[in-house]
Amino acid sequence: MTDHHEHRGLQDNTELLHRISARLADRFAGVFAAETVERYVFESYTALARTAKITTHLPSTTEHFAGDRLNALVKSKDAVASEVPEVLFVCVQNAGRSQMAAAPLTVEAKGRIHVRSAGSLPAAELDPAVVAAMSEMGLDLTKDYPKPLTDDVVRASDVVITMGCGDSCPIYPGKRYEDWELADPAGLPVAAVRIIRDEIHDRVKALASSLLHDPSSEKEESSA
């Protein structure tokens, strides 16, 4: 049943996906062939459609997700030099821990760190208690969405931090890997999620300090 709906949804949105592909092909002109861009757009749409509960925003999330994956591919192929460290947070559903880490690091970094998050088995939407707990910090996660873990974003990252996703994240040399042992907020009340949120925030502040203190030394350490 799911495959049928995915196929039907893909057919219904083919023209829209072609328009998204054309916009991204213009953005990445001279870097990727139009066929490569289109493949990434259609793959990204299919991956997100598998778990999307509400499809209204699927075209816009597809464009964002495909664009980010293409940027990651550029970085991983060394087509451009990365001016800032790239950090990837990975948990199982990308609906809780990894989102709670990515949002405050983005704020702490002030543009000096490129932050991504992904899930080995992404959920349909972010955990409502997580969204509520983060809003108490002034961080709005209502427009964020769970994203599947892809090889291109792992390859593009300088630092990969896993949170309970086991061995699902591929290991590549020259990267800094950390595993943060944290309770899973799924199904917990907001009061319990706050405790996890605060522990993550403390770790995020330490991570930001280590990366921004001397980014070059971090890269040297990761490649050692």
C-alpha atoms as a PDB file:
ATOM      1  CA  MET A   1       0.000   0.000   0.000  1.00  0.00           C
ATOM      2  CA  THR A   2       2.783   2.399   0.912  1.00  0.00           C
ATOM      3  CA  ASP A   3       4.650   1.736  -2.349  1.00  0.00           C
ATOM      4  CA  HIS A   4       1.461   2.410  -4.321  1.00  0.00           C
ATOM      5  CA  HIS A   5       0.936   5.763  -2.606  1.00  0.00           C
ATOM      6  CA  GLU A   6       4.597   6.709  -3.072  1.00  0.00           C
ATOM      7  CA  HIS A   7       4.399   5.902  -6.780  1.00  0.00           C
ATOM      8  CA  ARG A   8       1.119   7.794  -7.185  1.00  0.00           C
ATOM      9  CA  GLY A   9       2.510  10.793  -5.277  1.00  0.00           C
ATOM     10  CA  LEU A  10       5.614  10.791  -7.454  1.00  0.00           C
ATOM     11  CA  GLN A  11       3.470  10.778 -10.600  1.00  0.00           C
ATOM     12  CA  ASP A  12       1.260  13.596  -9.299  1.00  0.00           C
ATOM     13  CA  ASN A  13       4.275  15.788  -8.494  1.00  0.00           C
ATOM     14  CA  THR A  14       6.500  14.970 -11.468  1.00  0.00           C
ATOM     15  CA  GLU A  15       6.092  18.395 -13.089  1.00  0.00           C
ATOM     16  CA  LEU A  16       6.766  20.154  -9.782  1.00  0.00           C
ATOM     17  CA  LEU A  17       9.848  18.016  -9.160  1.00  0.00           C
ATOM     18  CA  HIS A  18      11.136  18.891 -12.614  1.00  0.00           C
ATOM     19  CA  ARG A  19      10.787  22.579 -11.748  1.00  0.00           C
ATOM     20  CA  ILE A  20      12.675  22.027  -8.488  1.00  0.00           C
ATOM     21  CA  SER A  21      15.349  20.153 -10.440  1.00  0.00           C
ATOM     22  CA  ALA A  22      15.678  23.044 -12.895  1.00  0.00           C
ATOM     23  CA  ARG A  23      16.149  25.577 -10.069  1.00  0.00           C
ATOM     24  CA  LEU A  24      18.775  23.449  -8.366  1.00  0.00           C
ATOM     25  CA  ALA A  25      20.486  22.708 -11.685  1.00  0.00           C
ATOM     26  CA  ASP A  26      20.883  26.467 -12.182  1.00  0.00           C
ATOM     27  CA  ARG A  27      22.295  26.819  -8.672  1.00  0.00           C
ATOM     28  CA  PHE A  28      24.812  24.010  -9.224  1.00  0.00           C
ATOM     29  CA  ALA A  29      25.578  24.814 -12.865  1.00  0.00           C
ATOM     30  CA  GLY A  30      29.163  23.928 -13.706  1.00  0.00           C
ATOM     31  CA  VAL A  31      29.374  21.606 -10.714  1.00  0.00           C
ATOM     32  CA  PHE A  32      26.801  18.873 -11.433  1.00  0.00           C
ATOM     33  CA  ALA A  33      25.059  17.783 -14.596  1.00  0.00           C
ATOM     34  CA  ALA A  34      21.329  18.454 -14.731  1.00  0.00           C
ATOM     35  CA  GLU A  35      20.715  14.687 -14.748  1.00  0.00           C
ATOM     36  CA  THR A  36      22.590  14.295 -11.450  1.00  0.00           C
ATOM     37  CA  VAL A  37      20.591  17.077  -9.841  1.00  0.00           C
ATOM     38  CA  GLU A  38      17.318  15.605 -11.061  1.00  0.00           C
ATOM     39  CA  ARG A  39      18.239  12.180  -9.689  1.00  0.00           C
ATOM     40  CA  TYR A  40      18.957  13.697  -6.282  1.00  0.00           C
ATOM     41  CA  VAL A  41      15.652  15.575  -6.306  1.00  0.00           C
ATOM     42  CA  PHE A  42      13.582  12.505  -7.148  1.00  0.00           C
ATOM     43  CA  GLU A  43      15.502  10.311  -4.677  1.00  0.00           C
ATOM     44  CA  SER A  44      15.058  12.903  -1.945  1.00  0.00           C
ATOM     45  CA  TYR A  45      11.343  13.201  -2.624  1.00  0.00           C
ATOM     46  CA  THR A  46      10.883   9.432  -2.476  1.00  0.00           C
ATOM     47  CA  ALA A  47      12.873   9.142   0.757  1.00  0.00           C
ATOM     48  CA  LEU A  48      10.898  11.895   2.488  1.00  0.00           C
ATOM     49  CA  ALA A  49       7.537  10.682   1.143  1.00  0.00           C
ATOM     50  CA  ARG A  50       8.015   7.295   2.814  1.00  0.00           C
ATOM     51  CA  THR A  51       7.529   8.792   6.263  1.00  0.00           C
ATOM     52  CA  ALA A  52       5.807  12.135   5.662  1.00  0.00           C
ATOM     53  CA  LYS A  53       2.516  12.308   7.538  1.00  0.00           C
ATOM     54  CA  ILE A  54       1.495  15.594   5.952  1.00  0.00           C
ATOM     55  CA  THR A  55       2.475  16.037   2.305  1.00  0.00           C
ATOM     56  CA  THR A  56       1.569  19.728   1.953  1.00  0.00           C
ATOM     57  CA  HIS A  57       5.132  20.878   2.565  1.00  0.00           C
ATOM     58  CA  LEU A  58       6.786  17.910   0.849  1.00  0.00           C
ATOM     59  CA  PRO A  59       7.875  19.846  -2.276  1.00  0.00           C
ATOM     60  CA  SER A  60       9.582  22.565  -0.206  1.00  0.00           C
ATOM     61  CA  THR A  61      11.254  20.060   2.120  1.00  0.00           C
ATOM     62  CA  THR A  62      12.354  18.073  -0.926  1.00  0.00           C
ATOM     63  CA  GLU A  63      14.018  21.137  -2.436  1.00  0.00           C
ATOM     64  CA  HIS A  64      15.726  21.939   0.854  1.00  0.00           C
ATOM     65  CA  PHE A  65      16.833  18.352   1.467  1.00  0.00           C
ATOM     66  CA  ALA A  66      18.063  17.771  -2.094  1.00  0.00           C
ATOM     67  CA  GLY A  67      19.918  21.084  -2.078  1.00  0.00           C
ATOM     68  CA  ASP A  68      21.621  20.252   1.201  1.00  0.00           C
ATOM     69  CA  ARG A  69      22.598  16.805  -0.079  1.00  0.00           C
ATOM     70  CA  LEU A  70      24.092  18.358  -3.211  1.00  0.00           C
ATOM     71  CA  ASN A  71      26.029  20.843  -1.092  1.00  0.00           C
ATOM     72  CA  ALA A  72      27.289  17.907   0.945  1.00  0.00           C
ATOM     73  CA  LEU A  73      28.293  16.108  -2.237  1.00  0.00           C
ATOM     74  CA  VAL A  74      30.261  19.156  -3.338  1.00  0.00           C
ATOM     75  CA  LYS A  75      32.103  19.159  -0.013  1.00  0.00           C
ATOM     76  CA  SER A  76      32.735  15.416  -0.032  1.00  0.00           C
ATOM     77  CA  LYS A  77      34.205  15.597  -3.529  1.00  0.00           C
ATOM     78  CA  ASP A  78      36.412  18.528  -2.466  1.00  0.00           C
ATOM     79  CA  ALA A  79      34.945  20.626  -5.233  1.00  0.00           C
ATOM     80  CA  VAL A  80      35.046  23.569  -2.852  1.00  0.00           C
ATOM     81  CA  ALA A  81      37.043  24.212   0.284  1.00  0.00           C
ATOM     82  CA  SER A  82      35.020  24.184   3.473  1.00  0.00           C
ATOM     83  CA  GLU A  83      35.459  27.424   5.376  1.00  0.00           C
ATOM     84  CA  VAL A  84      33.727  26.153   8.533  1.00  0.00           C
ATOM     85  CA  PRO A  85      33.597  22.794  10.367  1.00  0.00           C
ATOM     86  CA  GLU A  86      30.673  20.586   9.383  1.00  0.00           C
ATOM     87  CA  VAL A  87      28.874  18.684  12.146  1.00  0.00           C
ATOM     88  CA  LEU A  88      26.326  15.904  11.698  1.00  0.00           C
ATOM     89  CA  PHE A  89      24.092  14.675  14.530  1.00  0.00           C
ATOM     90  CA  VAL A  90      22.536  11.243  14.018  1.00  0.00           C
ATOM     91  CA  CYS A  91      19.882   9.460  16.068  1.00  0.00           C
ATOM     92  CA  VAL A  92      17.342   6.813  15.113  1.00  0.00           C
ATOM     93  CA  GLN A  93      14.290   8.904  14.238  1.00  0.00           C
ATOM     94  CA  ASN A  94      15.773  12.401  13.808  1.00  0.00           C
ATOM     95  CA  ALA A  95      12.756  13.498  15.804  1.00  0.00           C
ATOM     96  CA  GLY A  96      14.353  14.096  19.198  1.00  0.00           C
ATOM     97  CA  ARG A  97      17.978  13.984  20.308  1.00  0.00           C
ATOM     98  CA  SER A  98      19.673  14.937  17.045  1.00  0.00           C
ATOM     99  CA  GLN A  99      17.234  17.807  16.488  1.00  0.00           C
ATOM    100  CA  MET A 100      17.736  19.001  20.083  1.00  0.00           C
ATOM    101  CA  ALA A 101      21.482  19.093  19.432  1.00  0.00           C
ATOM    102  CA  ALA A 102      21.422  20.650  15.969  1.00  0.00           C
ATOM    103  CA  ALA A 103      19.209  23.611  16.876  1.00  0.00           C
ATOM    104  CA  PRO A 104      21.269  25.020  19.778  1.00  0.00           C
ATOM    105  CA  LEU A 105      24.584  24.352  18.020  1.00  0.00           C
ATOM    106  CA  THR A 106      23.357  26.389  15.067  1.00  0.00           C
ATOM    107  CA  VAL A 107      22.651  29.250  17.477  1.00  0.00           C
ATOM    108  CA  GLU A 108      25.920  28.839  19.410  1.00  0.00           C
ATOM    109  CA  ALA A 109      27.965  28.723  16.203  1.00  0.00           C
ATOM    110  CA  LYS A 110      26.546  31.949  14.721  1.00  0.00           C
ATOM    111  CA  GLY A 111      27.366  30.764  11.222  1.00  0.00           C
ATOM    112  CA  ARG A 112      30.831  29.498  12.097  1.00  0.00           C
ATOM    113  CA  ILE A 113      29.767  25.808  12.046  1.00  0.00           C
ATOM    114  CA  HIS A 114      27.588  24.113   9.439  1.00  0.00           C
ATOM    115  CA  VAL A 115      25.146  21.844  11.261  1.00  0.00           C
ATOM    116  CA  ARG A 116      23.088  18.928   9.967  1.00  0.00           C
ATOM    117  CA  SER A 117      20.999  16.198  11.562  1.00  0.00           C
ATOM    118  CA  ALA A 118      19.616  12.903  10.254  1.00  0.00           C
ATOM    119  CA  GLY A 119      17.992   9.665  11.333  1.00  0.00           C
ATOM    120  CA  SER A 120      18.790   6.047  10.554  1.00  0.00           C
ATOM    121  CA  LEU A 121      15.031   5.326  10.611  1.00  0.00           C
ATOM    122  CA  PRO A 122      13.402   8.770  10.395  1.00  0.00           C
ATOM    123  CA  ALA A 123      10.006   9.367  11.957  1.00  0.00           C
ATOM    124  CA  ALA A 124       7.061  11.069  10.282  1.00  0.00           C
ATOM    125  CA  GLU A 125       7.409  14.206  12.404  1.00  0.00           C
ATOM    126  CA  LEU A 126       9.289  15.684  15.332  1.00  0.00           C
ATOM    127  CA  ASP A 127       8.279  14.579  18.822  1.00  0.00           C
ATOM    128  CA  PRO A 128       5.773  17.180  20.138  1.00  0.00           C
ATOM    129  CA  ALA A 129       7.347  17.132  23.622  1.00  0.00           C
ATOM    130  CA  VAL A 130      10.731  17.879  22.042  1.00  0.00           C
ATOM    131  CA  VAL A 131       9.278  20.796  20.083  1.00  0.00           C
ATOM    132  CA  ALA A 132       7.682  22.108  23.286  1.00  0.00           C
ATOM    133  CA  ALA A 133      10.854  21.747  25.362  1.00  0.00           C
ATOM    134  CA  MET A 134      12.963  23.503  22.740  1.00  0.00           C
ATOM    135  CA  SER A 135      10.443  26.336  22.408  1.00  0.00           C
ATOM    136  CA  GLU A 136      11.076  27.053  26.101  1.00  0.00           C
ATOM    137  CA  MET A 137      14.647  27.906  25.049  1.00  0.00           C
ATOM    138  CA  GLY A 138      13.341  30.205  22.338  1.00  0.00           C
ATOM    139  CA  LEU A 139      14.116  27.698  19.588  1.00  0.00           C
ATOM    140  CA  ASP A 140      11.324  27.059  17.076  1.00  0.00           C
ATOM    141  CA  LEU A 141      11.475  23.541  15.620  1.00  0.00           C
ATOM    142  CA  THR A 142       8.019  23.602  14.054  1.00  0.00           C
ATOM    143  CA  LYS A 143       9.438  23.977  10.541  1.00  0.00           C
ATOM    144  CA  ASP A 144      12.063  21.254  10.964  1.00  0.00           C
ATOM    145  CA  TYR A 145      11.469  17.754   9.672  1.00  0.00           C
ATOM    146  CA  PRO A 146      13.056  14.301  10.100  1.00  0.00           C
ATOM    147  CA  LYS A 147      15.595  13.523   7.379  1.00  0.00           C
ATOM    148  CA  PRO A 148      17.019  10.143   6.372  1.00  0.00           C
ATOM    149  CA  LEU A 149      20.712   9.488   6.871  1.00  0.00           C
ATOM    150  CA  THR A 150      22.514   9.571   3.525  1.00  0.00           C
ATOM    151  CA  ASP A 151      26.071   8.735   2.615  1.00  0.00           C
ATOM    152  CA  ASP A 152      26.755  12.161   1.105  1.00  0.00           C
ATOM    153  CA  VAL A 153      26.126  14.066   4.356  1.00  0.00           C
ATOM    154  CA  VAL A 154      28.339  11.661   6.317  1.00  0.00           C
ATOM    155  CA  ARG A 155      31.165  12.071   3.825  1.00  0.00           C
ATOM    156  CA  ALA A 156      30.834  15.864   3.967  1.00  0.00           C
ATOM    157  CA  SER A 157      31.030  16.036   7.755  1.00  0.00           C
ATOM    158  CA  ASP A 158      34.117  16.774   9.809  1.00  0.00           C
ATOM    159  CA  VAL A 159      32.441  15.687  13.050  1.00  0.00           C
ATOM    160  CA  VAL A 160      29.800  12.938  13.290  1.00  0.00           C
ATOM    161  CA  ILE A 161      27.969  12.544  16.584  1.00  0.00           C
ATOM    162  CA  THR A 162      25.714   9.542  17.066  1.00  0.00           C
ATOM    163  CA  MET A 163      23.013   9.223  19.692  1.00  0.00           C
ATOM    164  CA  GLY A 164      21.734   5.705  20.053  1.00  0.00           C
ATOM    165  CA  CYS A 165      21.632   4.751  16.376  1.00  0.00           C
ATOM    166  CA  GLY A 166      24.007   1.829  16.792  1.00  0.00           C
ATOM    167  CA  ASP A 167      26.183   0.856  13.837  1.00  0.00           C
ATOM    168  CA  SER A 168      23.971   2.373  11.152  1.00  0.00           C
ATOM    169  CA  CYS A 169      26.295   5.317  10.522  1.00  0.00           C
ATOM    170  CA  PRO A 170      29.118   4.514   8.079  1.00  0.00           C
ATOM    171  CA  ILE A 171      32.674   5.129   9.266  1.00  0.00           C
ATOM    172  CA  TYR A 172      35.125   7.039   7.083  1.00  0.00           C
ATOM    173  CA  PRO A 173      38.742   7.884   7.892  1.00  0.00           C
ATOM    174  CA  GLY A 174      39.736  11.446   8.675  1.00  0.00           C
ATOM    175  CA  LYS A 175      36.601  12.304  10.620  1.00  0.00           C
ATOM    176  CA  ARG A 176      35.974  12.887  14.287  1.00  0.00           C
ATOM    177  CA  TYR A 177      33.361  10.498  15.682  1.00  0.00           C
ATOM    178  CA  GLU A 178      31.647  10.753  19.050  1.00  0.00           C
ATOM    179  CA  ASP A 179      28.813   8.761  20.579  1.00  0.00           C
ATOM    180  CA  TRP A 180      26.678  10.612  23.096  1.00  0.00           C
ATOM    181  CA  GLU A 181      24.822   8.243  25.405  1.00  0.00           C
ATOM    182  CA  LEU A 182      21.521   9.974  26.041  1.00  0.00           C
ATOM    183  CA  ALA A 183      18.055   8.827  27.019  1.00  0.00           C
ATOM    184  CA  ASP A 184      15.542   8.614  24.173  1.00  0.00           C
ATOM    185  CA  PRO A 185      12.887  11.343  24.594  1.00  0.00           C
ATOM    186  CA  ALA A 186      10.318   9.458  22.495  1.00  0.00           C
ATOM    187  CA  GLY A 187       7.056   9.178  24.414  1.00  0.00           C
ATOM    188  CA  LEU A 188       8.341  11.035  27.475  1.00  0.00           C
ATOM    189  CA  PRO A 189       6.537  14.007  29.042  1.00  0.00           C
ATOM    190  CA  VAL A 190       7.972  17.494  28.593  1.00  0.00           C
ATOM    191  CA  ALA A 191       9.363  17.512  32.145  1.00  0.00           C
ATOM    192  CA  ALA A 192      11.528  14.473  31.350  1.00  0.00           C
ATOM    193  CA  VAL A 193      12.520  15.847  27.948  1.00  0.00           C
ATOM    194  CA  ARG A 194      13.803  19.025  29.623  1.00  0.00           C
ATOM    195  CA  ILE A 195      16.414  16.984  31.492  1.00  0.00           C
ATOM    196  CA  ILE A 196      17.661  15.426  28.232  1.00  0.00           C
ATOM    197  CA  ARG A 197      17.541  18.828  26.530  1.00  0.00           C
ATOM    198  CA  ASP A 198      19.700  20.438  29.210  1.00  0.00           C
ATOM    199  CA  GLU A 199      22.277  17.621  29.072  1.00  0.00           C
ATOM    200  CA  ILE A 200      22.451  17.948  25.301  1.00  0.00           C
ATOM    201  CA  HIS A 201      22.807  21.729  25.569  1.00  0.00           C
ATOM    202  CA  ASP A 202      25.774  21.357  27.932  1.00  0.00           C
ATOM    203  CA  ARG A 203      27.447  18.961  25.496  1.00  0.00           C
ATOM    204  CA  VAL A 204      26.692  21.248  22.565  1.00  0.00           C
ATOM    205  CA  LYS A 205      28.304  24.230  24.288  1.00  0.00           C
ATOM    206  CA  ALA A 206      31.432  22.168  24.955  1.00  0.00           C
ATOM    207  CA  LEU A 207      31.488  20.975  21.341  1.00  0.00           C
ATOM    208  CA  ALA A 208      31.088  24.507  19.985  1.00  0.00           C
ATOM    209  CA  SER A 209      33.898  25.720  22.229  1.00  0.00           C
ATOM    210  CA  SER A 210      36.231  22.948  21.068  1.00  0.00           C
ATOM    211  CA  LEU A 211      35.516  23.534  17.377  1.00  0.00           C
ATOM    212  CA  LEU A 212      35.591  27.314  17.438  1.00  0.00           C
ATOM    213  CA  HIS A 213      38.625  27.630  19.710  1.00  0.00           C
ATOM    214  CA  ASP A 214      40.931  26.284  17.007  1.00  0.00           C
ATOM    215  CA  PRO A 215      39.157  24.642  14.068  1.00  0.00           C
ATOM    216  CA  SER A 216      42.422  23.839  12.308  1.00  0.00           C
ATOM    217  CA  SER A 217      43.681  21.782  15.237  1.00  0.00           C
ATOM    218  CA  GLU A 218      40.401  19.856  15.299  1.00  0.00           C
ATOM    219  CA  LYS A 219      40.828  18.927  11.653  1.00  0.00           C
ATOM    220  CA  GLU A 220      44.422  17.913  12.231  1.00  0.00           C
ATOM    221  CA  GLU A 221      43.300  15.763  15.168  1.00  0.00           C
ATOM    222  CA  SER A 222      40.550  14.091  13.126  1.00  0.00           C
ATOM    223  CA  SER A 223      42.933  13.205  10.308  1.00  0.00           C
ATOM    224  CA  ALA A 224      45.623  11.873  12.629  1.00  0.00           C
END
